Amino acid sequence: MSDIKNHPLLSISRETHQTKQRRWVSTVATAITSLFLITLVCHSSFSTFPLLSTNVSLKTCEQPSATAPETRADLTQNYNKIFNQPGPFHDAFRKAAAERLSEAIQINTVSYDFLRNKTPLPDGVPEPSREGILKFHDFLESRFPKTHATLQREVINRYPLLYTWKGSDQSLEPILFMSHIDTVPVPNATLDQWSHPPFSGHIDEQYVWGRGSVDTKSTLLAILEAVELLVTLDFQPKRTVYLAFGSDEEISGHQGAKFLAQTLLSRGLKNRIAFLIDEGPGLSTSPSLTLAEIGTQEKGYTDVRISISTPGGHSSIPPDHTSIGVLAEIISAIENNQYTSELGDENPLLESLRCRAVWDEGMDRWLRRAVLDIGRWRRKVVNRLSGDLWMRYMMQTSQAVDLIEGGVKGWFLFGMYLRHNITE
């Protein structure tokens, strides 16, 4: 997860709609999230802004009462020693955790597109393109021994992992922590652009560098670091805890997450998971509010392949428009005709904006009032938010030409792949 300290909403001024380049710094952290209830103060100066719609309840995004879970003094004491109090415990854990993450990054677990629909070979049959996943299995078992001695580990469809930590109260709905083992590839042409080699796991004073340090071996190891500490202290959860680690998330999870989901469903867990934690935007902070952004929906996607077949010829007497030229025109036409940004009532972004408008006094005042009267100000709100690319593509189907391939001599096929991430 990334800690988004400067939410796009807070950086859109009333006077400026230009897109500003931002620098995002991702850090690896383990956090306990607290929700802070902020009293909404209505200022008299709001009278110069859009009026509040009478059919919008100020109970929007009503917050539950704070809960106080049962505590164990030894857990709290050890937590403070490790995470909050500078000293030998803190320094030793930080160093060891960084070294374990570095080791994880050094294991190449790249998912390639050609593996998307390729069924894994039977156990024991070598599969070089996926051997890094098996090495990662061994790494986890050796670095988190107490976890593996206590939790039940299952290997699903040869590569994904499912851990079960049985709770003491089986009447309670279980919880699910998710991550994935694989990473995206590293094009050879980009190797000289890396500050440190992508699979080096280089550690400096602040970061662990490499492919997977953010997406998302960091969260996978953070989960196991926490479990290992708790098991060491003889902690047993009341709820059953599942840890599900996919092996091919970067190519849509057809051989990984799909089989993990089927396994959980086969055990009667449909609509019985109390909550799950996976990748997501994490925390959004402003001077007046810390907002835990809970993911409720995900954009769909579709890949479109466009191909062109033309007669061959010689470059000394070329046709007016070669296949490459025609395809270039198609690409240009696609990129010059973007989808329209829309903020429909069914888009969960709208409810998120309303929630922020009710609770966040630091939100742009015009936007705050307009969001709560969206029926009147919808198009102006969309136009305002579209100035930021992050917000824009929460409201708009994106399209990107991701892959171009071509042929040689004679009749040849030249094509490209166009990916759409779909916003309804």
Protein backbone atom coordinates (compact mmCIF):
# COMPACT_ATOMS: atom_id res chain seq x y z
CA MET A 1 0.00 0.00 0.00
CA SER A 2 1.06 3.58 -0.53
CA ASP A 3 0.53 6.31 2.03
CA ILE A 4 -1.01 9.09 -0.08
CA LYS A 5 -0.20 12.19 1.94
CA ASN A 6 -1.38 14.73 -0.61
CA HIS A 7 -4.74 13.66 -1.93
CA PRO A 8 -5.57 15.18 -5.35
CA LEU A 9 -8.66 16.78 -3.86
CA LEU A 10 -6.55 18.98 -1.64
CA SER A 11 -4.27 20.21 -4.42
CA ILE A 12 -6.95 21.46 -6.81
CA SER A 13 -7.33 25.18 -6.21
CA ARG A 14 -10.36 27.22 -7.22
CA GLU A 15 -8.32 29.43 -9.54
CA THR A 16 -6.19 26.80 -11.31
CA HIS A 17 -7.36 23.80 -13.27
CA GLN A 18 -4.03 22.88 -14.82
CA THR A 19 -2.62 19.45 -14.22
CA LYS A 20 0.42 19.65 -11.98
CA GLN A 21 3.23 17.16 -12.05
CA ARG A 22 3.60 15.43 -8.74
CA ARG A 23 6.31 13.38 -7.28
CA TRP A 24 5.11 10.27 -5.46
CA VAL A 25 7.38 8.67 -2.92
CA SER A 26 6.32 5.16 -1.85
CA THR A 27 7.51 3.84 1.50
CA VAL A 28 7.36 0.42 3.11
CA ALA A 29 5.54 0.55 6.45
CA THR A 30 3.45 -1.46 8.90
CA ALA A 31 0.56 0.59 10.30
CA ILE A 32 -2.43 0.39 12.62
CA THR A 33 -5.22 2.57 11.24
CA SER A 34 -7.33 4.75 13.49
CA LEU A 35 -10.37 6.68 12.32
CA PHE A 36 -10.70 10.18 13.70
CA LEU A 37 -14.14 11.76 13.85
CA ILE A 38 -14.00 15.43 12.94
CA THR A 39 -16.85 17.78 13.87
CA LEU A 40 -18.20 19.53 10.81
CA VAL A 41 -18.28 23.30 11.29
CA CYS A 42 -20.51 25.24 8.94
CA HIS A 43 -19.04 28.68 8.21
CA SER A 44 -21.21 31.62 7.37
CA SER A 45 -18.95 32.35 4.39
CA PHE A 46 -20.39 29.24 2.71
CA SER A 47 -23.35 31.33 1.67
CA THR A 48 -21.33 32.48 -1.36
CA PHE A 49 -20.94 28.89 -2.53
CA PRO A 50 -23.44 26.36 -3.91
CA LEU A 51 -26.28 25.80 -1.48
CA LEU A 52 -26.58 22.49 0.31
CA SER A 53 -29.21 20.25 -1.21
CA THR A 54 -32.03 19.64 1.26
CA ASN A 55 -32.19 15.94 0.35
CA VAL A 56 -28.59 15.19 1.40
CA SER A 57 -28.39 13.92 4.95
CA LEU A 58 -25.49 15.04 7.10
CA LYS A 59 -25.39 11.42 8.26
CA THR A 60 -23.60 10.65 5.01
CA CYS A 61 -20.57 8.56 5.87
CA GLU A 62 -21.73 8.18 9.45
CA GLN A 63 -18.89 6.79 11.53
CA PRO A 64 -19.21 3.80 13.86
CA SER A 65 -18.33 4.15 17.49
CA ALA A 66 -14.72 3.52 18.38
CA THR A 67 -14.03 0.01 19.62
CA ALA A 68 -11.58 -1.04 22.29
CA PRO A 69 -10.39 -4.59 21.62
CA GLU A 70 -9.14 -6.71 24.46
CA THR A 71 -5.51 -5.99 25.15
CA ARG A 72 -2.56 -7.99 26.35
CA ALA A 73 0.09 -6.01 28.17
CA ASP A 74 2.91 -8.11 26.75
CA LEU A 75 1.75 -7.54 23.16
CA THR A 76 1.48 -3.79 23.71
CA GLN A 77 4.85 -3.67 25.41
CA ASN A 78 6.57 -5.59 22.64
CA TYR A 79 4.81 -3.59 19.93
CA ASN A 80 6.05 -0.35 21.49
CA LYS A 81 9.59 -1.71 21.81
CA ILE A 82 9.70 -2.74 18.18
CA PHE A 83 7.84 0.08 16.46
CA ASN A 84 7.60 3.12 18.72
CA GLN A 85 10.63 3.26 20.99
CA PRO A 86 14.08 3.88 19.47
CA GLY A 87 16.49 1.35 20.82
CA PRO A 88 18.03 -2.07 20.22
CA PHE A 89 14.72 -3.91 19.66
CA HIS A 90 13.51 -1.29 17.18
CA ASP A 91 16.81 -1.15 15.30
CA ALA A 92 17.26 -4.93 15.18
CA PHE A 93 13.77 -5.59 13.85
CA ARG A 94 13.99 -2.79 11.28
CA LYS A 95 17.32 -4.12 9.99
CA ALA A 96 16.14 -7.74 9.86
CA ALA A 97 12.85 -6.84 8.14
CA ALA A 98 14.71 -4.82 5.49
CA GLU A 99 17.07 -7.73 4.87
CA ARG A 100 14.18 -10.16 4.46
CA LEU A 101 12.47 -7.83 1.99
CA SER A 102 15.77 -7.48 0.14
CA GLU A 103 16.02 -11.27 -0.14
CA ALA A 104 12.47 -11.46 -1.46
CA ILE A 105 13.22 -8.90 -4.16
CA GLN A 106 16.30 -10.82 -5.27
CA ILE A 107 14.07 -13.76 -6.24
CA ASN A 108 12.84 -13.15 -9.79
CA THR A 109 9.08 -13.84 -9.79
CA VAL A 110 8.14 -12.03 -13.00
CA SER A 111 4.83 -12.92 -14.66
CA TYR A 112 4.93 -12.85 -18.47
CA ASP A 113 1.88 -12.42 -20.66
CA PHE A 114 2.35 -15.78 -22.40
CA LEU A 115 1.68 -17.47 -19.04
CA ARG A 116 -1.77 -15.91 -18.67
CA ASN A 117 -3.75 -18.96 -19.75
CA LYS A 118 -1.02 -21.59 -19.45
CA THR A 119 -2.03 -24.30 -16.99
CA PRO A 120 0.78 -25.09 -14.53
CA LEU A 121 2.59 -28.36 -15.13
CA PRO A 122 2.23 -31.17 -12.54
CA ASP A 123 4.32 -31.05 -9.37
CA GLY A 124 7.88 -32.15 -9.97
CA VAL A 125 7.90 -31.25 -13.67
CA PRO A 126 10.36 -28.37 -14.27
CA GLU A 127 8.78 -25.13 -15.44
CA PRO A 128 11.62 -22.59 -15.89
CA SER A 129 9.33 -19.61 -16.50
CA ARG A 130 7.76 -20.08 -13.06
CA GLU A 131 10.62 -21.54 -11.04
CA GLY A 132 11.06 -18.26 -9.16
CA ILE A 133 7.67 -18.78 -7.49
CA LEU A 134 8.83 -22.12 -6.06
CA LYS A 135 12.04 -20.51 -4.80
CA PHE A 136 9.89 -17.88 -3.13
CA HIS A 137 7.89 -20.61 -1.38
CA ASP A 138 11.11 -22.00 0.09
CA PHE A 139 12.26 -18.53 1.10
CA LEU A 140 9.07 -17.85 3.05
CA GLU A 141 9.26 -21.18 4.85
CA SER A 142 12.86 -20.58 5.92
CA ARG A 143 12.42 -16.96 7.03
CA PHE A 144 9.11 -17.32 8.88
CA PRO A 145 9.49 -20.69 10.65
CA LYS A 146 7.04 -20.08 13.50
CA THR A 147 4.33 -19.03 11.07
CA HIS A 148 4.80 -22.21 9.07
CA ALA A 149 4.83 -24.34 12.21
CA THR A 150 1.55 -22.84 13.45
CA LEU A 151 -0.59 -21.94 10.44
CA GLN A 152 -1.82 -24.47 7.90
CA ARG A 153 -0.20 -23.81 4.52
CA GLU A 154 -1.77 -25.06 1.30
CA VAL A 155 -0.30 -24.78 -2.18
CA ILE A 156 -3.19 -24.24 -4.60
CA ASN A 157 -2.72 -25.04 -8.30
CA ARG A 158 1.04 -25.49 -7.66
CA TYR A 159 1.94 -21.81 -7.17
CA PRO A 160 -0.56 -19.71 -5.13
CA LEU A 161 -0.41 -20.01 -1.33
CA LEU A 162 -3.25 -20.16 1.19
CA TYR A 163 -2.54 -19.99 4.93
CA THR A 164 -5.18 -20.67 7.58
CA TRP A 165 -4.78 -19.45 11.17
CA LYS A 166 -7.64 -21.08 13.02
CA GLY A 167 -9.50 -18.81 15.43
CA SER A 168 -10.77 -19.72 18.87
CA ASP A 169 -14.37 -18.70 18.08
CA GLN A 170 -15.67 -20.43 14.95
CA SER A 171 -18.96 -18.52 15.16
CA LEU A 172 -17.18 -15.34 14.09
CA GLU A 173 -16.71 -14.55 10.41
CA PRO A 174 -13.06 -14.88 9.30
CA ILE A 175 -10.84 -12.16 7.90
CA LEU A 176 -8.67 -12.30 4.80
CA PHE A 177 -5.31 -10.69 4.06
CA MET A 178 -4.22 -10.74 0.43
CA SER A 179 -1.12 -9.99 -1.60
CA HIS A 180 0.72 -11.44 -4.59
CA ILE A 181 4.12 -12.98 -5.16
CA ASP A 182 4.71 -12.01 -8.79
CA THR A 183 5.94 -8.77 -10.33
CA VAL A 184 5.84 -7.15 -13.75
CA PRO A 185 8.79 -7.68 -16.13
CA VAL A 186 11.79 -5.38 -16.50
CA PRO A 187 12.53 -4.47 -20.14
CA ASN A 188 16.24 -4.89 -20.85
CA ALA A 189 16.31 -1.49 -22.53
CA THR A 190 15.51 0.17 -19.19
CA LEU A 191 18.18 -1.50 -17.06
CA ASP A 192 20.54 1.47 -17.25
CA GLN A 193 17.76 3.76 -16.00
CA TRP A 194 17.46 2.06 -12.60
CA SER A 195 19.14 3.70 -9.62
CA HIS A 196 19.97 0.17 -8.48
CA PRO A 197 19.52 -3.09 -10.43
CA PRO A 198 15.87 -4.22 -10.32
CA PHE A 199 16.57 -7.54 -8.61
CA SER A 200 19.40 -6.36 -6.35
CA GLY A 201 17.28 -5.63 -3.28
CA HIS A 202 19.70 -2.80 -2.51
CA ILE A 203 19.29 -1.33 0.98
CA ASP A 204 20.24 2.26 1.76
CA GLU A 205 19.51 4.48 4.74
CA GLN A 206 15.83 4.83 3.82
CA TYR A 207 14.64 2.39 1.15
CA VAL A 208 14.84 -1.16 -0.11
CA TRP A 209 15.20 -0.90 -3.89
CA GLY A 210 13.98 -3.26 -6.59
CA ARG A 211 11.09 -4.80 -8.47
CA GLY A 212 8.41 -5.75 -5.96
CA SER A 213 9.56 -3.37 -3.22
CA VAL A 214 6.24 -1.56 -3.59
CA ASP A 215 4.10 -3.83 -5.79
CA THR A 216 3.85 -5.81 -3.67
CA LYS A 217 6.30 -8.06 -1.88
CA SER A 218 6.45 -5.35 0.75
CA THR A 219 2.85 -5.92 1.86
CA LEU A 220 3.21 -9.70 1.62
CA LEU A 221 6.21 -9.68 3.94
CA ALA A 222 4.57 -7.10 6.24
CA ILE A 223 1.70 -9.55 6.78
CA LEU A 224 4.06 -12.40 7.58
CA GLU A 225 6.28 -10.23 9.79
CA ALA A 226 3.22 -9.38 11.90
CA VAL A 227 2.04 -12.99 12.07
CA GLU A 228 5.51 -14.25 13.00
CA LEU A 229 5.72 -11.77 15.89
CA LEU A 230 2.25 -12.65 17.15
CA VAL A 231 2.87 -16.38 16.97
CA THR A 232 6.13 -15.88 18.87
CA LEU A 233 4.10 -14.27 21.67
CA ASP A 234 1.61 -17.19 21.72
CA PHE A 235 -1.19 -15.05 20.37
CA GLN A 236 -4.27 -16.82 19.00
CA PRO A 237 -6.91 -14.86 17.09
CA LYS A 238 -10.58 -15.20 17.95
CA ARG A 239 -11.51 -15.03 14.27
CA THR A 240 -9.97 -17.39 11.77
CA VAL A 241 -7.43 -15.55 9.65
CA TYR A 242 -6.72 -16.43 6.01
CA LEU A 243 -3.63 -15.29 4.12
CA ALA A 244 -4.02 -15.62 0.34
CA PHE A 245 -1.01 -14.94 -1.88
CA GLY A 246 -1.57 -15.11 -5.63
CA SER A 247 1.14 -16.03 -8.12
CA ASP A 248 0.04 -14.25 -11.32
CA GLU A 249 -1.82 -11.10 -10.33
CA GLU A 250 0.10 -9.04 -12.87
CA ILE A 251 -1.46 -11.08 -15.70
CA SER A 252 -4.99 -11.10 -14.27
CA GLY A 253 -4.78 -14.05 -11.87
CA HIS A 254 -6.27 -16.74 -14.10
CA GLN A 255 -4.03 -19.43 -12.58
CA GLY A 256 -3.69 -17.86 -9.14
CA ALA A 257 -6.37 -15.71 -7.54
CA LYS A 258 -9.08 -17.54 -9.48
CA PHE A 259 -8.15 -20.84 -7.82
CA LEU A 260 -7.73 -19.24 -4.40
CA ALA A 261 -11.22 -17.76 -4.69
CA GLN A 262 -12.70 -21.09 -5.78
CA THR A 263 -11.06 -22.80 -2.81
CA LEU A 264 -12.50 -20.31 -0.31
CA LEU A 265 -15.95 -20.48 -1.92
CA SER A 266 -15.90 -24.28 -1.77
CA ARG A 267 -15.50 -23.98 2.00
CA GLY A 268 -18.72 -22.07 2.41
CA LEU A 269 -17.19 -18.61 2.71
CA LYS A 270 -19.33 -16.82 0.15
CA ASN A 271 -20.48 -13.57 1.82
CA ARG A 272 -18.92 -14.78 5.07
CA ILE A 273 -15.64 -12.86 5.10
CA ALA A 274 -15.90 -10.10 7.71
CA PHE A 275 -13.39 -7.94 5.84
CA LEU A 276 -10.33 -8.27 3.66
CA ILE A 277 -7.19 -6.21 3.29
CA ASP A 278 -5.42 -6.07 -0.06
CA GLU A 279 -3.68 -3.49 -2.22
CA GLY A 280 -5.33 -0.09 -2.29
CA PRO A 281 -4.83 3.65 -1.88
CA GLY A 282 -4.41 3.36 1.88
CA LEU A 283 -4.62 6.56 3.90
CA SER A 284 -5.39 10.02 2.56
CA THR A 285 -4.41 12.81 4.92
CA SER A 286 -5.10 16.51 5.19
CA PRO A 287 -4.53 18.99 8.04
CA SER A 288 -8.01 18.25 9.37
CA LEU A 289 -8.66 14.61 8.48
CA THR A 290 -7.13 11.18 8.07
CA LEU A 291 -9.32 9.18 5.71
CA ALA A 292 -9.01 5.42 5.31
CA GLU A 293 -10.08 4.87 1.71
CA ILE A 294 -11.89 1.55 1.54
CA GLY A 295 -12.05 -0.11 -1.86
CA THR A 296 -15.55 -1.27 -2.75
CA GLN A 297 -15.32 -1.75 -6.53
CA GLU A 298 -12.68 -2.27 -9.19
CA LYS A 299 -12.59 -1.07 -12.78
CA GLY A 300 -13.04 -3.76 -15.38
CA TYR A 301 -10.89 -3.99 -18.46
CA THR A 302 -10.84 -5.29 -21.99
CA ASP A 303 -7.99 -5.78 -24.45
CA VAL A 304 -8.64 -5.07 -28.14
CA ARG A 305 -6.29 -6.39 -30.82
CA ILE A 306 -6.16 -4.39 -34.04
CA SER A 307 -4.28 -6.01 -36.91
CA ILE A 308 -3.49 -4.96 -40.47
CA SER A 309 -2.53 -7.24 -43.35
CA THR A 310 -1.13 -5.64 -46.53
CA PRO A 311 0.64 -6.85 -49.68
CA GLY A 312 4.41 -6.93 -49.48
CA GLY A 313 6.68 -4.75 -51.53
CA HIS A 314 10.08 -3.14 -51.73
CA SER A 315 11.05 -0.06 -49.78
CA SER A 316 12.42 1.54 -52.97
CA ILE A 317 8.90 1.70 -54.43
CA PRO A 318 6.67 1.76 -51.34
CA PRO A 319 2.91 2.35 -51.40
CA ASP A 320 1.68 5.72 -50.23
CA HIS A 321 0.61 4.18 -46.93
CA THR A 322 2.42 1.20 -45.44
CA SER A 323 0.92 -0.98 -42.73
CA ILE A 324 2.92 0.92 -40.14
CA GLY A 325 1.65 4.23 -41.47
CA VAL A 326 -1.98 3.09 -41.47
CA LEU A 327 -1.67 1.71 -37.96
CA ALA A 328 -0.03 4.94 -36.81
CA GLU A 329 -3.07 6.85 -38.08
CA ILE A 330 -5.37 4.49 -36.19
CA ILE A 331 -3.38 4.98 -32.99
CA SER A 332 -3.46 8.74 -33.46
CA ALA A 333 -7.23 8.69 -33.99
CA ILE A 334 -7.75 6.59 -30.86
CA GLU A 335 -5.61 8.84 -28.68
CA ASN A 336 -7.28 11.96 -30.05
CA ASN A 337 -10.74 10.65 -29.17
CA GLN A 338 -10.76 9.98 -25.44
CA TYR A 339 -13.74 8.73 -23.49
CA THR A 340 -15.76 11.32 -21.60
CA SER A 341 -15.39 11.73 -17.85
CA GLU A 342 -18.64 10.97 -16.03
CA LEU A 343 -19.51 10.92 -12.33
CA GLY A 344 -22.68 8.85 -12.15
CA ASP A 345 -24.57 8.06 -8.98
CA GLU A 346 -23.38 4.44 -9.21
CA ASN A 347 -19.69 5.43 -9.18
CA PRO A 348 -18.32 4.79 -5.65
CA LEU A 349 -16.10 7.83 -6.10
CA LEU A 350 -19.15 10.04 -5.63
CA GLU A 351 -19.95 8.57 -2.22
CA SER A 352 -16.29 8.92 -1.28
CA LEU A 353 -16.38 12.58 -2.26
CA ARG A 354 -19.55 13.11 -0.25
CA CYS A 355 -17.93 11.46 2.75
CA ARG A 356 -14.96 13.79 2.50
CA ALA A 357 -17.22 16.79 1.98
CA VAL A 358 -19.08 16.06 5.22
CA TRP A 359 -16.03 15.42 7.37
CA ASP A 360 -13.07 17.28 5.86
CA GLU A 361 -12.93 20.99 6.68
CA GLY A 362 -9.72 21.25 4.66
CA MET A 363 -11.43 20.31 1.40
CA ASP A 364 -11.78 23.02 -1.23
CA ARG A 365 -14.86 24.94 -0.07
CA TRP A 366 -16.52 25.31 -3.46
CA LEU A 367 -16.01 21.64 -4.24
CA ARG A 368 -17.23 20.65 -0.82
CA ARG A 369 -20.59 22.32 -1.27
CA ALA A 370 -20.94 21.35 -4.93
CA VAL A 371 -20.41 17.66 -4.18
CA LEU A 372 -23.23 17.74 -1.64
CA ASP A 373 -25.49 19.30 -4.29
CA ILE A 374 -24.25 17.09 -7.11
CA GLY A 375 -27.52 17.10 -9.04
CA ARG A 376 -27.05 20.78 -9.76
CA TRP A 377 -23.28 20.97 -10.07
CA ARG A 378 -22.31 17.57 -11.52
CA ARG A 379 -20.70 18.76 -14.75
CA LYS A 380 -18.74 21.52 -13.04
CA VAL A 381 -17.51 19.04 -10.42
CA VAL A 382 -16.40 16.64 -13.16
CA ASN A 383 -14.59 19.41 -15.02
CA ARG A 384 -12.85 20.53 -11.85
CA LEU A 385 -11.69 17.07 -10.85
CA SER A 386 -10.63 16.12 -14.39
CA GLY A 387 -7.72 18.53 -14.09
CA ASP A 388 -5.97 15.83 -12.07
CA LEU A 389 -5.13 12.60 -13.91
CA TRP A 390 -5.63 10.40 -10.84
CA MET A 391 -9.15 11.73 -10.33
CA ARG A 392 -9.89 11.84 -14.04
CA TYR A 393 -9.42 8.12 -14.51
CA MET A 394 -11.65 7.38 -11.55
CA MET A 395 -14.41 8.88 -13.71
CA GLN A 396 -13.29 7.89 -17.20
CA THR A 397 -12.49 4.73 -19.13
CA SER A 398 -8.80 4.85 -19.97
CA GLN A 399 -7.28 3.55 -23.17
CA ALA A 400 -3.61 2.86 -23.77
CA VAL A 401 -1.68 1.32 -26.64
CA ASP A 402 0.48 -1.13 -24.72
CA LEU A 403 2.03 -3.43 -27.29
CA ILE A 404 2.99 -3.16 -30.97
CA GLU A 405 4.25 -6.08 -33.03
CA GLY A 406 5.16 -6.43 -36.69
CA GLY A 407 6.36 -8.78 -39.37
CA VAL A 408 8.93 -8.88 -42.15
CA LYS A 409 8.93 -9.33 -45.95
CA GLY A 410 6.08 -10.23 -48.22
CA TRP A 411 2.56 -10.42 -46.88
CA PHE A 412 2.87 -9.68 -43.23
CA LEU A 413 0.76 -8.99 -40.22
CA PHE A 414 1.22 -5.86 -38.20
CA GLY A 415 -0.83 -5.22 -35.11
CA MET A 416 -1.17 -3.67 -31.70
CA TYR A 417 -3.00 -4.22 -28.41
CA LEU A 418 -5.22 -1.55 -26.92
CA ARG A 419 -6.12 -1.89 -23.23
CA HIS A 420 -9.22 -0.28 -21.78
CA ASN A 421 -9.75 0.13 -18.02
CA ILE A 422 -13.47 0.61 -17.87
CA THR A 423 -15.41 3.04 -15.70
CA GLU A 424 -19.15 2.59 -15.83
